[in-house]
N, C-alpha and C. Protein backbone atom coordinates (compact mmCIF):
# COMPACT_ATOMS: atom_id res chain seq x y z
N MET A 1 0.81 -1.20 0.00
CA MET A 1 0.00 0.00 0.00
C MET A 1 0.85 1.26 0.00
N LYS A 2 1.97 1.23 0.72
CA LYS A 2 2.84 2.41 0.78
C LYS A 2 3.37 2.79 -0.59
N GLU A 3 3.36 1.83 -1.49
CA GLU A 3 3.84 2.07 -2.85
C GLU A 3 2.69 2.39 -3.79
N ASP A 4 1.55 2.81 -3.22
CA ASP A 4 0.36 3.20 -3.97
C ASP A 4 -0.22 2.06 -4.81
N ASP A 5 -0.09 0.84 -4.33
CA ASP A 5 -0.65 -0.31 -5.04
C ASP A 5 -2.11 -0.46 -4.62
N ILE A 6 -2.99 0.01 -5.48
CA ILE A 6 -4.43 0.00 -5.18
C ILE A 6 -4.96 -1.42 -5.06
N SER A 7 -4.36 -2.37 -5.75
CA SER A 7 -4.86 -3.75 -5.69
C SER A 7 -4.69 -4.34 -4.28
N VAL A 8 -3.64 -3.98 -3.58
CA VAL A 8 -3.44 -4.45 -2.20
C VAL A 8 -4.53 -3.87 -1.31
N PHE A 9 -4.78 -2.58 -1.47
CA PHE A 9 -5.82 -1.93 -0.68
C PHE A 9 -7.19 -2.55 -0.99
N GLU A 10 -7.49 -2.77 -2.26
CA GLU A 10 -8.77 -3.38 -2.64
C GLU A 10 -8.93 -4.76 -2.03
N ALA A 11 -7.87 -5.52 -2.02
CA ALA A 11 -7.92 -6.87 -1.44
C ALA A 11 -8.23 -6.80 0.06
N ILE A 12 -7.58 -5.88 0.75
CA ILE A 12 -7.84 -5.71 2.19
C ILE A 12 -9.28 -5.26 2.40
N PHE A 13 -9.72 -4.31 1.59
CA PHE A 13 -11.08 -3.79 1.71
C PHE A 13 -12.11 -4.91 1.47
N LYS A 14 -11.97 -5.64 0.38
CA LYS A 14 -12.93 -6.70 0.04
C LYS A 14 -12.94 -7.82 1.08
N THR A 15 -11.80 -8.10 1.65
CA THR A 15 -11.70 -9.17 2.65
C THR A 15 -12.34 -8.78 3.98
N HIS A 16 -12.22 -7.53 4.36
CA HIS A 16 -12.58 -7.14 5.73
C HIS A 16 -13.80 -6.23 5.87
N TYR A 17 -14.22 -5.55 4.82
CA TYR A 17 -15.27 -4.54 4.94
C TYR A 17 -16.55 -5.09 5.58
N SER A 18 -17.10 -6.15 5.03
CA SER A 18 -18.38 -6.68 5.53
C SER A 18 -18.26 -7.14 6.98
N LYS A 19 -17.18 -7.84 7.29
CA LYS A 19 -17.00 -8.32 8.66
C LYS A 19 -16.86 -7.16 9.64
N LEU A 20 -16.16 -6.11 9.23
CA LEU A 20 -15.98 -4.95 10.10
C LEU A 20 -17.30 -4.21 10.30
N CYS A 21 -18.11 -4.13 9.24
CA CYS A 21 -19.43 -3.49 9.37
C CYS A 21 -20.30 -4.26 10.36
N PHE A 22 -20.28 -5.58 10.24
CA PHE A 22 -21.05 -6.42 11.16
C PHE A 22 -20.56 -6.22 12.60
N TYR A 23 -19.25 -6.20 12.77
CA TYR A 23 -18.66 -6.00 14.10
C TYR A 23 -19.06 -4.63 14.67
N ALA A 24 -18.96 -3.59 13.86
CA ALA A 24 -19.33 -2.24 14.33
C ALA A 24 -20.81 -2.20 14.68
N ASN A 25 -21.63 -2.89 13.90
CA ASN A 25 -23.06 -2.90 14.16
C ASN A 25 -23.38 -3.59 15.49
N THR A 26 -22.58 -4.56 15.90
CA THR A 26 -22.81 -5.20 17.20
C THR A 26 -22.53 -4.22 18.34
N ILE A 27 -21.70 -3.24 18.09
CA ILE A 27 -21.37 -2.25 19.12
C ILE A 27 -22.35 -1.07 19.07
N ILE A 28 -22.60 -0.56 17.87
CA ILE A 28 -23.41 0.64 17.68
C ILE A 28 -24.90 0.32 17.62
N GLY A 29 -25.24 -0.74 16.91
CA GLY A 29 -26.66 -1.09 16.76
C GLY A 29 -27.34 -0.31 15.65
N ASN A 30 -26.56 0.21 14.73
CA ASN A 30 -27.11 0.97 13.61
C ASN A 30 -26.23 0.69 12.40
N ILE A 31 -26.79 -0.02 11.42
CA ILE A 31 -25.98 -0.49 10.30
C ILE A 31 -25.46 0.66 9.45
N SER A 32 -26.26 1.69 9.23
CA SER A 32 -25.79 2.79 8.38
C SER A 32 -24.63 3.54 9.05
N VAL A 33 -24.71 3.74 10.35
CA VAL A 33 -23.60 4.39 11.07
C VAL A 33 -22.38 3.48 11.06
N SER A 34 -22.62 2.18 11.24
CA SER A 34 -21.52 1.22 11.23
C SER A 34 -20.79 1.23 9.89
N GLU A 35 -21.56 1.25 8.80
CA GLU A 35 -20.95 1.29 7.47
C GLU A 35 -20.14 2.58 7.28
N GLU A 36 -20.68 3.67 7.80
CA GLU A 36 -19.98 4.95 7.69
C GLU A 36 -18.67 4.94 8.47
N ILE A 37 -18.69 4.36 9.65
CA ILE A 37 -17.48 4.26 10.47
C ILE A 37 -16.41 3.45 9.75
N VAL A 38 -16.80 2.31 9.20
CA VAL A 38 -15.84 1.44 8.51
C VAL A 38 -15.34 2.12 7.24
N ALA A 39 -16.23 2.74 6.48
CA ALA A 39 -15.82 3.43 5.26
C ALA A 39 -14.84 4.56 5.58
N ASP A 40 -15.12 5.31 6.65
CA ASP A 40 -14.21 6.39 7.06
C ASP A 40 -12.83 5.84 7.44
N LEU A 41 -12.82 4.68 8.10
CA LEU A 41 -11.55 4.05 8.46
C LEU A 41 -10.75 3.71 7.21
N PHE A 42 -11.39 3.07 6.24
CA PHE A 42 -10.68 2.70 5.02
C PHE A 42 -10.23 3.94 4.23
N THR A 43 -11.05 4.97 4.24
CA THR A 43 -10.66 6.21 3.57
C THR A 43 -9.41 6.80 4.22
N GLU A 44 -9.42 6.82 5.54
CA GLU A 44 -8.26 7.37 6.26
C GLU A 44 -7.01 6.51 6.03
N ILE A 45 -7.19 5.21 6.01
CA ILE A 45 -6.04 4.33 5.76
C ILE A 45 -5.45 4.62 4.39
N TRP A 46 -6.32 4.77 3.39
CA TRP A 46 -5.81 5.04 2.05
C TRP A 46 -5.12 6.40 1.98
N GLU A 47 -5.76 7.40 2.59
CA GLU A 47 -5.18 8.75 2.55
C GLU A 47 -3.85 8.84 3.30
N LYS A 48 -3.70 8.05 4.36
CA LYS A 48 -2.47 8.08 5.16
C LYS A 48 -1.65 6.82 4.98
N ARG A 49 -1.76 6.20 3.82
CA ARG A 49 -1.10 4.92 3.57
C ARG A 49 0.42 4.98 3.74
N ALA A 50 0.99 6.14 3.49
CA ALA A 50 2.45 6.27 3.63
C ALA A 50 2.88 6.22 5.10
N GLN A 51 1.98 6.65 5.99
CA GLN A 51 2.33 6.69 7.41
C GLN A 51 1.82 5.48 8.19
N VAL A 52 0.87 4.74 7.64
CA VAL A 52 0.27 3.62 8.37
C VAL A 52 1.28 2.50 8.52
N ALA A 53 1.47 2.10 9.77
CA ALA A 53 2.37 0.98 10.06
C ALA A 53 1.57 -0.05 10.84
N PHE A 54 1.52 -1.25 10.32
CA PHE A 54 0.79 -2.33 10.98
C PHE A 54 1.76 -3.07 11.90
N ASN A 55 1.77 -2.69 13.19
CA ASN A 55 2.64 -3.33 14.16
C ASN A 55 2.11 -4.70 14.56
N VAL A 56 0.81 -4.89 14.33
CA VAL A 56 0.16 -6.17 14.56
C VAL A 56 -0.42 -6.61 13.23
N SER A 57 -1.18 -7.68 13.23
CA SER A 57 -1.78 -8.12 11.97
C SER A 57 -2.74 -7.04 11.46
N ILE A 58 -2.94 -7.03 10.17
CA ILE A 58 -3.85 -6.05 9.57
C ILE A 58 -5.24 -6.21 10.16
N GLU A 59 -5.66 -7.45 10.32
CA GLU A 59 -6.99 -7.72 10.87
C GLU A 59 -7.13 -7.16 12.28
N ALA A 60 -6.15 -7.40 13.12
CA ALA A 60 -6.18 -6.88 14.50
C ALA A 60 -6.21 -5.35 14.49
N TYR A 61 -5.41 -4.75 13.62
CA TYR A 61 -5.38 -3.28 13.49
C TYR A 61 -6.75 -2.75 13.10
N LEU A 62 -7.39 -3.38 12.10
CA LEU A 62 -8.69 -2.92 11.61
C LEU A 62 -9.76 -3.05 12.70
N TYR A 63 -9.80 -4.20 13.36
CA TYR A 63 -10.81 -4.39 14.40
C TYR A 63 -10.63 -3.43 15.57
N LYS A 64 -9.40 -3.21 15.98
CA LYS A 64 -9.14 -2.27 17.08
C LYS A 64 -9.52 -0.84 16.65
N SER A 65 -9.22 -0.49 15.41
CA SER A 65 -9.57 0.84 14.91
C SER A 65 -11.08 1.03 14.87
N VAL A 66 -11.80 0.03 14.39
CA VAL A 66 -13.27 0.10 14.35
C VAL A 66 -13.82 0.20 15.76
N TYR A 67 -13.29 -0.60 16.67
CA TYR A 67 -13.74 -0.57 18.06
C TYR A 67 -13.57 0.84 18.65
N ASN A 68 -12.40 1.43 18.47
CA ASN A 68 -12.14 2.77 19.00
C ASN A 68 -13.05 3.81 18.36
N ARG A 69 -13.28 3.70 17.07
CA ARG A 69 -14.16 4.65 16.39
C ARG A 69 -15.60 4.51 16.87
N CYS A 70 -16.03 3.29 17.14
CA CYS A 70 -17.37 3.07 17.67
C CYS A 70 -17.52 3.70 19.06
N LEU A 71 -16.51 3.52 19.89
CA LEU A 71 -16.56 4.15 21.22
C LEU A 71 -16.60 5.67 21.11
N ASN A 72 -15.82 6.22 20.21
CA ASN A 72 -15.84 7.67 20.00
C ASN A 72 -17.21 8.13 19.52
N TYR A 73 -17.81 7.37 18.62
CA TYR A 73 -19.15 7.71 18.12
C TYR A 73 -20.16 7.70 19.28
N ILE A 74 -20.10 6.67 20.11
CA ILE A 74 -21.04 6.56 21.24
C ILE A 74 -20.85 7.74 22.19
N LYS A 75 -19.62 8.09 22.51
CA LYS A 75 -19.34 9.22 23.39
C LYS A 75 -19.88 10.52 22.78
N HIS A 76 -19.60 10.71 21.50
CA HIS A 76 -20.04 11.91 20.80
C HIS A 76 -21.57 12.01 20.79
N THR A 77 -22.23 10.90 20.52
CA THR A 77 -23.69 10.87 20.48
C THR A 77 -24.28 11.18 21.86
N LYS A 78 -23.67 10.66 22.92
CA LYS A 78 -24.16 10.94 24.27
C LYS A 78 -24.06 12.42 24.59
N VAL A 79 -22.97 13.04 24.20
CA VAL A 79 -22.79 14.47 24.44
C VAL A 79 -23.83 15.27 23.67
N GLU A 80 -24.03 14.93 22.41
CA GLU A 80 -25.03 15.64 21.60
C GLU A 80 -26.43 15.47 22.17
N ASN A 81 -26.77 14.25 22.56
CA ASN A 81 -28.09 13.99 23.12
C ASN A 81 -28.30 14.77 24.42
N ALA A 82 -27.29 14.79 25.26
CA ALA A 82 -27.39 15.53 26.51
C ALA A 82 -27.56 17.02 26.24
N TYR A 83 -26.86 17.53 25.24
CA TYR A 83 -26.95 18.94 24.91
C TYR A 83 -28.35 19.31 24.40
N VAL A 84 -28.88 18.50 23.50
CA VAL A 84 -30.23 18.74 22.98
C VAL A 84 -31.25 18.63 24.10
N ALA A 85 -31.11 17.62 24.95
CA ALA A 85 -32.04 17.45 26.08
C ALA A 85 -31.96 18.66 27.01
N TYR A 86 -30.75 19.13 27.27
CA TYR A 86 -30.57 20.31 28.11
C TYR A 86 -31.29 21.51 27.51
N LEU A 87 -31.10 21.72 26.22
CA LEU A 87 -31.75 22.85 25.57
C LEU A 87 -33.27 22.72 25.62
N LEU A 88 -33.76 21.52 25.39
CA LEU A 88 -35.20 21.31 25.41
C LEU A 88 -35.80 21.52 26.79
N LYS A 89 -35.14 21.02 27.81
CA LYS A 89 -35.66 21.14 29.16
C LYS A 89 -35.60 22.58 29.66
N ASN A 90 -34.67 23.35 29.15
CA ASN A 90 -34.48 24.71 29.65
C ASN A 90 -35.00 25.78 28.70
N GLU A 91 -35.72 25.38 27.65
CA GLU A 91 -36.13 26.39 26.68
C GLU A 91 -37.12 27.39 27.25
N SER A 92 -37.90 26.99 28.27
CA SER A 92 -38.85 27.93 28.83
C SER A 92 -38.26 28.73 29.99
N LYS A 93 -37.08 28.33 30.45
CA LYS A 93 -36.43 29.07 31.54
C LYS A 93 -35.59 30.20 30.97
N ASN A 94 -35.40 31.21 31.75
CA ASN A 94 -34.52 32.28 31.34
C ASN A 94 -33.10 31.91 31.76
N LEU A 95 -32.33 31.39 30.82
CA LEU A 95 -30.98 30.90 31.13
C LEU A 95 -29.97 32.02 31.36
N PHE A 96 -30.28 33.18 30.85
CA PHE A 96 -29.29 34.25 30.87
C PHE A 96 -29.81 35.46 31.64
N THR A 97 -30.26 35.27 32.86
CA THR A 97 -30.88 36.36 33.61
C THR A 97 -29.88 37.44 34.00
N GLU A 98 -28.62 37.11 34.10
CA GLU A 98 -27.64 38.09 34.54
C GLU A 98 -27.34 39.14 33.48
N THR A 99 -27.49 38.79 32.23
CA THR A 99 -27.20 39.73 31.16
C THR A 99 -28.43 39.84 30.25
N PRO A 100 -29.22 40.90 30.42
CA PRO A 100 -30.48 41.06 29.70
C PRO A 100 -30.35 41.02 28.18
N TRP A 101 -29.23 41.42 27.61
CA TRP A 101 -29.10 41.44 26.16
C TRP A 101 -29.12 40.05 25.57
N TYR A 102 -28.97 39.00 26.40
CA TYR A 102 -29.09 37.63 25.90
C TYR A 102 -30.54 37.18 25.74
N ALA A 103 -31.47 37.88 26.36
CA ALA A 103 -32.87 37.44 26.37
C ALA A 103 -33.41 37.24 24.96
N TYR A 104 -33.12 38.15 24.08
CA TYR A 104 -33.61 38.02 22.70
C TYR A 104 -33.02 36.78 22.04
N ASP A 105 -31.73 36.55 22.25
CA ASP A 105 -31.08 35.38 21.67
C ASP A 105 -31.70 34.09 22.20
N GLU A 106 -32.00 34.07 23.48
CA GLU A 106 -32.59 32.86 24.07
C GLU A 106 -33.95 32.56 23.45
N LYS A 107 -34.76 33.60 23.27
CA LYS A 107 -36.08 33.40 22.66
C LYS A 107 -35.92 32.89 21.23
N GLU A 108 -34.98 33.45 20.52
CA GLU A 108 -34.74 33.00 19.14
C GLU A 108 -34.26 31.55 19.11
N ILE A 109 -33.39 31.23 20.03
CA ILE A 109 -32.88 29.85 20.11
C ILE A 109 -34.02 28.89 20.41
N SER A 110 -34.85 29.23 21.39
CA SER A 110 -35.99 28.39 21.74
C SER A 110 -36.93 28.23 20.55
N LYS A 111 -37.14 29.31 19.85
CA LYS A 111 -38.02 29.27 18.68
C LYS A 111 -37.44 28.36 17.59
N GLU A 112 -36.14 28.45 17.36
CA GLU A 112 -35.51 27.62 16.35
C GLU A 112 -35.52 26.14 16.74
N ILE A 113 -35.34 25.87 18.02
CA ILE A 113 -35.41 24.47 18.48
C ILE A 113 -36.82 23.93 18.25
N LYS A 114 -37.81 24.72 18.63
CA LYS A 114 -39.20 24.28 18.44
C LYS A 114 -39.50 24.08 16.96
N THR A 115 -39.05 24.99 16.12
CA THR A 115 -39.26 24.86 14.68
C THR A 115 -38.58 23.62 14.14
N ALA A 116 -37.35 23.37 14.58
CA ALA A 116 -36.63 22.18 14.12
C ALA A 116 -37.37 20.91 14.51
N ILE A 117 -37.88 20.87 15.73
CA ILE A 117 -38.64 19.70 16.18
C ILE A 117 -39.94 19.59 15.39
N ASP A 118 -40.62 20.71 15.18
CA ASP A 118 -41.87 20.70 14.41
C ASP A 118 -41.66 20.25 12.97
N ASN A 119 -40.47 20.48 12.43
CA ASN A 119 -40.19 20.10 11.05
C ASN A 119 -39.79 18.63 10.88
N LEU A 120 -39.64 17.93 12.00
CA LEU A 120 -39.33 16.50 11.90
C LEU A 120 -40.53 15.76 11.29
N PRO A 121 -40.28 14.67 10.60
CA PRO A 121 -41.41 13.85 10.15
C PRO A 121 -42.25 13.44 11.36
N GLU A 122 -43.53 13.24 11.15
CA GLU A 122 -44.47 13.04 12.26
C GLU A 122 -44.04 11.93 13.22
N GLN A 123 -43.68 10.78 12.68
CA GLN A 123 -43.31 9.66 13.55
C GLN A 123 -42.02 9.97 14.32
N CYS A 124 -41.04 10.56 13.64
CA CYS A 124 -39.79 10.96 14.31
C CYS A 124 -40.09 11.93 15.45
N ARG A 125 -40.95 12.90 15.18
CA ARG A 125 -41.27 13.93 16.18
C ARG A 125 -41.94 13.29 17.40
N LYS A 126 -42.92 12.41 17.17
CA LYS A 126 -43.60 11.76 18.28
C LYS A 126 -42.60 10.98 19.15
N ILE A 127 -41.77 10.20 18.49
CA ILE A 127 -40.81 9.37 19.21
C ILE A 127 -39.79 10.24 19.95
N PHE A 128 -39.30 11.28 19.28
CA PHE A 128 -38.33 12.18 19.91
C PHE A 128 -38.93 12.84 21.15
N LEU A 129 -40.14 13.37 21.03
CA LEU A 129 -40.76 14.05 22.16
C LEU A 129 -41.04 13.09 23.32
N LEU A 130 -41.48 11.87 23.00
CA LEU A 130 -41.69 10.88 24.06
C LEU A 130 -40.39 10.56 24.77
N SER A 131 -39.32 10.42 24.00
CA SER A 131 -38.03 10.06 24.58
C SER A 131 -37.37 11.21 25.32
N ARG A 132 -37.25 12.35 24.68
CA ARG A 132 -36.44 13.42 25.23
C ARG A 132 -37.20 14.42 26.10
N VAL A 133 -38.48 14.59 25.86
CA VAL A 133 -39.25 15.55 26.65
C VAL A 133 -39.99 14.84 27.78
N GLN A 134 -40.62 13.69 27.45
CA GLN A 134 -41.36 12.95 28.46
C GLN A 134 -40.52 11.88 29.15
N ASN A 135 -39.25 11.78 28.76
CA ASN A 135 -38.28 10.86 29.38
C ASN A 135 -38.73 9.40 29.37
N LYS A 136 -39.40 8.99 28.30
CA LYS A 136 -39.83 7.59 28.16
C LYS A 136 -38.66 6.76 27.64
N LYS A 137 -38.57 5.54 28.12
CA LYS A 137 -37.58 4.58 27.63
C LYS A 137 -38.08 4.00 26.31
N TYR A 138 -37.15 3.45 25.54
CA TYR A 138 -37.53 2.91 24.23
C TYR A 138 -38.61 1.84 24.35
N HIS A 139 -38.51 0.97 25.36
CA HIS A 139 -39.52 -0.09 25.49
C HIS A 139 -40.89 0.50 25.83
N GLU A 140 -40.93 1.62 26.54
CA GLU A 140 -42.20 2.29 26.83
C GLU A 140 -42.79 2.89 25.56
N ILE A 141 -41.92 3.49 24.75
CA ILE A 141 -42.38 4.08 23.49
C ILE A 141 -42.89 2.98 22.56
N THR A 142 -42.20 1.84 22.58
CA THR A 142 -42.64 0.69 21.78
C THR A 142 -44.06 0.31 22.15
N ALA A 143 -44.36 0.25 23.44
CA ALA A 143 -45.70 -0.11 23.90
C ALA A 143 -46.72 0.97 23.55
N ILE A 144 -46.35 2.22 23.71
CA ILE A 144 -47.28 3.33 23.45
C ILE A 144 -47.65 3.41 21.97
N LEU A 145 -46.65 3.32 21.10
CA LEU A 145 -46.88 3.51 19.66
C LEU A 145 -47.04 2.21 18.89
N ASP A 146 -46.90 1.08 19.57
CA ASP A 146 -47.02 -0.24 18.94
C ASP A 146 -46.08 -0.37 17.75
N LEU A 147 -44.81 -0.04 18.00
CA LEU A 147 -43.77 -0.14 16.99
C LEU A 147 -42.66 -1.04 17.52
N SER A 148 -41.84 -1.55 16.63
CA SER A 148 -40.74 -2.41 17.04
C SER A 148 -39.64 -1.57 17.69
N PRO A 149 -38.85 -2.16 18.58
CA PRO A 149 -37.74 -1.43 19.20
C PRO A 149 -36.75 -0.90 18.15
N LYS A 150 -36.52 -1.66 17.09
CA LYS A 150 -35.60 -1.23 16.04
C LYS A 150 -36.14 0.02 15.33
N THR A 151 -37.46 0.06 15.11
CA THR A 151 -38.07 1.25 14.49
C THR A 151 -37.87 2.46 15.38
N ILE A 152 -38.07 2.28 16.68
CA ILE A 152 -37.88 3.40 17.62
C ILE A 152 -36.44 3.90 17.54
N GLU A 153 -35.50 2.96 17.57
CA GLU A 153 -34.08 3.32 17.52
C GLU A 153 -33.74 4.04 16.22
N ASN A 154 -34.20 3.51 15.10
CA ASN A 154 -33.93 4.14 13.80
C ASN A 154 -34.55 5.53 13.70
N GLN A 155 -35.77 5.68 14.19
CA GLN A 155 -36.43 6.98 14.13
C GLN A 155 -35.73 8.00 15.02
N MET A 156 -35.22 7.56 16.17
CA MET A 156 -34.46 8.47 17.04
C MET A 156 -33.16 8.89 16.36
N THR A 157 -32.52 7.95 15.68
CA THR A 157 -31.29 8.28 14.95
C THR A 157 -31.58 9.34 13.90
N ILE A 158 -32.66 9.14 13.16
CA ILE A 158 -33.05 10.10 12.12
C ILE A 158 -33.37 11.46 12.75
N ALA A 159 -34.15 11.44 13.83
CA ALA A 159 -34.54 12.70 14.48
C ALA A 159 -33.31 13.46 14.97
N LEU A 160 -32.40 12.77 15.63
CA LEU A 160 -31.21 13.44 16.16
C LEU A 160 -30.32 13.97 15.04
N ARG A 161 -30.20 13.20 13.95
CA ARG A 161 -29.39 13.66 12.83
C ARG A 161 -30.01 14.92 12.22
N LYS A 162 -31.34 14.92 12.03
CA LYS A 162 -32.01 16.08 11.45
C LYS A 162 -31.93 17.30 12.38
N LEU A 163 -32.08 17.08 13.68
CA LEU A 163 -31.98 18.19 14.63
C LEU A 163 -30.56 18.74 14.68
N ARG A 164 -29.58 17.84 14.67
CA ARG A 164 -28.18 18.28 14.66
C ARG A 164 -27.92 19.17 13.45
N GLU A 165 -28.41 18.73 12.31
CA GLU A 165 -28.20 19.49 11.07
C GLU A 165 -28.93 20.84 11.13
N ALA A 166 -30.18 20.81 11.60
CA ALA A 166 -30.98 22.03 11.64
C ALA A 166 -30.48 23.04 12.66
N LEU A 167 -29.83 22.55 13.72
CA LEU A 167 -29.44 23.44 14.83
C LEU A 167 -27.94 23.69 14.92
N LYS A 168 -27.16 23.16 13.99
CA LYS A 168 -25.71 23.30 14.12
C LYS A 168 -25.25 24.76 14.10
N HIS A 169 -26.00 25.62 13.44
CA HIS A 169 -25.62 27.03 13.39
C HIS A 169 -25.84 27.73 14.74
N LEU A 170 -26.64 27.14 15.62
CA LEU A 170 -26.90 27.76 16.92
C LEU A 170 -25.70 27.70 17.84
N LEU A 171 -24.83 26.76 17.63
CA LEU A 171 -23.68 26.60 18.51
C LEU A 171 -22.87 27.90 18.61
N THR A 172 -22.72 28.59 17.51
CA THR A 172 -21.97 29.84 17.53
C THR A 172 -22.73 30.93 18.27
N VAL A 173 -24.08 30.86 18.25
CA VAL A 173 -24.88 31.85 18.95
C VAL A 173 -24.80 31.61 20.46
N ILE A 174 -24.85 30.34 20.86
CA ILE A 174 -24.87 30.01 22.28
C ILE A 174 -23.50 30.24 22.91
N ILE A 175 -22.47 29.86 22.23
CA ILE A 175 -21.11 29.99 22.76
C ILE A 175 -20.67 31.40 22.57
């Protein structure tokens, strides 16, 4: 690979991609995210092929890399979820009472959060509100809406991705 031999890279990719996706999915529980994690790993390996040194077997290196990326994804997702939940729980409170000039920004932020939630597809919105506003567990939502646990999980993934995208510009306003 260090000599830019694409056939070596293709062989590694074809041999390990599916197994790594399956492995990542056992950790993450979301096949599309798992595929993205594995694809990003292979992209990075190709881009940094001159610097990549396999001190262990290639397979061990790939599995450890996928494992670490999955843990990073889980940590990142927890932080994002906590942040969105914090914003949702505090949208009616005056968070910036010490400095009155923030009041307008807070109202705008609350309005944008509400708009972003309102713009979610109906099923995503229902599931998101049950989970994040009413603090229902996935199994409770499953019983309430008569949907499979996997559907609940997938819809939450979609809702959080759409909210992240719709609200990413707010980070600069809040900070």
